[in-house]
Protein backbone atom coordinates (compact mmCIF):
# COMPACT_ATOMS: atom_id res chain seq x y z
CA MET A 1 109.39 93.41 99.87
CA SER A 2 109.78 95.53 102.98
CA VAL A 3 110.46 99.24 102.75
CA GLN A 4 113.12 98.78 105.44
CA LYS A 5 115.06 96.34 103.23
CA LEU A 6 114.81 98.72 100.28
CA ASN A 7 116.05 101.56 102.50
CA GLU A 8 119.04 99.42 103.53
CA ILE A 9 119.97 98.96 99.86
CA ILE A 10 119.22 102.45 98.49
CA GLN A 11 120.21 104.83 101.32
CA PRO A 12 123.96 104.01 101.35
CA LEU A 13 124.10 104.23 97.56
CA VAL A 14 122.43 107.66 97.47
CA GLU A 15 124.69 108.98 100.25
CA ASP A 16 127.83 107.56 98.58
CA LEU A 17 126.86 109.51 95.46
CA GLY A 18 126.85 112.71 97.55
CA TYR A 19 123.11 113.25 97.94
CA GLU A 20 120.82 113.39 100.94
CA PHE A 21 118.53 110.37 101.06
CA ILE A 22 115.10 111.74 102.01
CA GLY A 23 113.30 108.41 101.84
CA LEU A 24 111.42 106.11 99.53
CA GLU A 25 107.92 104.89 98.84
CA TYR A 26 107.11 101.48 97.41
CA ASN A 27 103.61 101.06 96.07
CA SER A 28 103.07 97.41 95.21
CA ASN A 29 100.40 96.72 92.63
CA PRO A 30 100.03 93.64 90.41
CA LYS A 31 99.79 95.80 87.27
CA HIS A 32 101.93 98.84 88.04
CA SER A 33 104.31 98.83 91.05
CA VAL A 34 106.36 101.97 91.67
CA LEU A 35 109.52 102.48 93.71
CA ARG A 36 109.93 106.22 94.26
CA VAL A 37 113.22 107.47 95.75
CA TYR A 38 113.51 111.04 97.06
CA ILE A 39 116.90 112.76 97.03
CA ASP A 40 118.13 116.25 97.80
CA LYS A 41 121.29 118.32 98.13
CA GLU A 42 121.95 121.79 99.47
CA GLU A 43 121.65 123.56 96.13
CA GLY A 44 118.70 121.41 95.04
CA VAL A 45 118.59 118.56 92.55
CA ASP A 46 118.06 118.65 88.81
CA VAL A 47 117.20 116.11 86.14
CA GLU A 48 120.84 115.03 85.79
CA ASP A 49 121.07 114.30 89.53
CA CYS A 50 117.93 112.18 89.32
CA ALA A 51 119.23 110.36 86.24
CA THR A 52 122.57 109.60 87.97
CA VAL A 53 120.88 108.14 91.05
CA SER A 54 118.35 106.28 88.90
CA ARG A 55 121.11 104.59 86.85
CA GLU A 56 123.07 103.54 89.93
CA ALA A 57 119.98 102.44 91.88
CA ALA A 58 118.70 100.40 88.91
CA ALA A 59 122.06 98.64 88.68
CA ILE A 60 122.22 97.67 92.36
CA LEU A 61 118.54 96.65 92.38
CA ASP A 62 119.14 94.44 89.35
CA VAL A 63 122.00 92.71 91.19
CA LYS A 64 120.31 92.37 94.59
CA ASP A 65 116.85 91.74 93.05
CA PRO A 66 114.80 92.64 96.16
CA ILE A 67 111.61 93.16 94.15
CA ARG A 68 110.58 90.03 92.30
CA SER A 69 107.84 91.55 90.15
CA HIS A 70 107.95 94.25 87.47
CA TYR A 71 108.13 97.81 88.82
CA ASN A 72 108.99 101.33 87.71
CA LEU A 73 111.83 103.17 89.45
CA GLU A 74 111.38 106.92 89.88
CA VAL A 75 113.96 109.25 91.42
CA SER A 76 112.73 112.69 92.42
CA SER A 77 113.46 115.79 94.42
CA PRO A 78 111.20 116.16 97.46
CA GLY A 79 109.43 119.16 95.88
CA LEU A 80 107.17 121.66 97.63
CA GLU A 81 104.96 118.92 99.08
CA ARG A 82 108.02 117.36 100.70
CA PRO A 83 107.44 113.90 102.15
CA LEU A 84 108.40 113.36 105.78
CA PHE A 85 109.71 109.95 106.86
CA THR A 86 111.78 110.27 110.04
CA PRO A 87 111.56 112.07 113.39
CA ALA A 88 114.40 114.32 112.15
CA HIS A 89 112.26 115.39 109.18
CA TYR A 90 109.39 116.39 111.49
CA ARG A 91 111.79 118.29 113.78
CA GLU A 92 113.31 120.13 110.80
CA PHE A 93 109.88 121.37 109.75
CA ASN A 94 108.47 122.03 113.23
CA GLY A 95 105.69 124.60 113.00
CA TYR A 96 104.98 123.86 109.34
CA GLU A 97 101.62 122.59 108.11
CA VAL A 98 101.56 118.87 107.30
CA LYS A 99 99.02 116.44 105.80
CA ILE A 100 99.15 112.97 107.32
CA THR A 101 97.40 109.76 106.29
CA LEU A 102 97.39 106.85 108.72
CA TYR A 103 97.43 103.13 108.02
CA GLY A 104 94.74 102.54 110.63
CA PRO A 105 92.19 104.99 112.03
CA GLN A 106 92.80 107.00 115.19
CA ASP A 107 89.81 108.61 116.90
CA GLY A 108 87.70 107.45 113.94
CA ARG A 109 89.76 109.11 111.23
CA ARG A 110 92.75 108.37 109.00
CA LYS A 111 93.51 111.85 107.61
CA PHE A 112 94.93 114.71 109.64
CA GLN A 113 96.24 118.16 108.81
CA GLY A 114 97.86 120.68 111.09
CA ALA A 115 101.03 122.38 112.24
CA ILE A 116 103.83 120.13 113.49
CA GLY A 117 104.45 120.50 117.22
CA ALA A 118 106.25 118.13 119.54
CA VAL A 119 108.23 115.27 118.01
CA SER A 120 109.56 112.16 119.72
CA GLU A 121 111.20 109.03 118.35
CA ASP A 122 107.78 107.33 118.40
CA GLY A 123 105.32 110.04 117.43
CA VAL A 124 104.49 113.49 116.22
CA THR A 125 102.01 115.95 117.71
CA ILE A 126 100.09 118.24 115.39
CA GLU A 127 97.50 120.88 116.09
CA GLN A 128 94.26 119.54 114.56
CA ASP A 129 91.04 121.56 114.80
CA GLY A 130 92.25 123.56 117.79
CA SER A 131 93.64 120.70 119.87
CA ASP A 132 96.85 118.69 119.94
CA VAL A 133 96.78 115.18 118.51
CA THR A 134 99.70 112.78 118.86
CA LEU A 135 100.14 110.29 116.03
CA SER A 136 102.35 107.21 116.20
CA LEU A 137 105.07 107.24 113.55
CA ASP A 138 104.48 103.51 113.04
CA ASN A 139 100.90 104.27 111.99
CA ILE A 140 101.76 107.05 109.51
CA ALA A 141 101.36 105.81 105.95
CA LYS A 142 102.15 109.14 104.30
CA ALA A 143 103.11 112.61 105.51
CA ARG A 144 103.68 115.63 103.27
CA LEU A 145 104.25 119.31 103.89
CA VAL A 146 101.47 121.63 102.82
CA PRO A 147 103.11 124.42 100.82
CA ASP A 148 102.30 128.01 101.79
CA TYR A 149 101.79 129.27 98.25
CA ASP A 150 101.06 132.83 99.40
CA ALA A 151 104.47 133.03 101.10
CA ILE A 152 106.19 131.41 98.10
CA LEU A 153 104.57 133.91 95.69
CA ALA A 154 105.40 136.84 97.98
CA GLU A 155 109.05 135.73 98.13
CA HIS A 156 109.16 135.22 94.36
CA ASN A 157 107.59 138.63 93.66
CA SER A 158 110.02 140.41 96.00
CA LYS A 159 113.01 139.28 93.90
């Protein structure tokens, strides 16, 4: 099952329910496959929001049956380690620290971490070890923001 096909099924449903569709991850495994859907809204999401989307997504997935094997469906907020899927996500968090894992190695490595710089429709440039590295979006397996816990604690303590 392609992630693109799953996106085509889930994204319109999530948006019709009034949520922002952040993206999804499908981890296929013979014993324990997981379809994880990330949603958000301006005031944040709670357990009820996740339950609503989960119920509706389970129903449409049962009808369309895009995944032939057993899997678990999880619906979640993006959280502090927010996943990034699209060029728009990278642009929104320009300057923020990100951890990226590639499908295939680039310059002998698959893991990168640095601040997001330039973003195009095909790639993202991050500052890695003092120099800019451009990574193809097609080669990015996973990208997540690195939370600045010091800033979060400072903001929390100032309230």
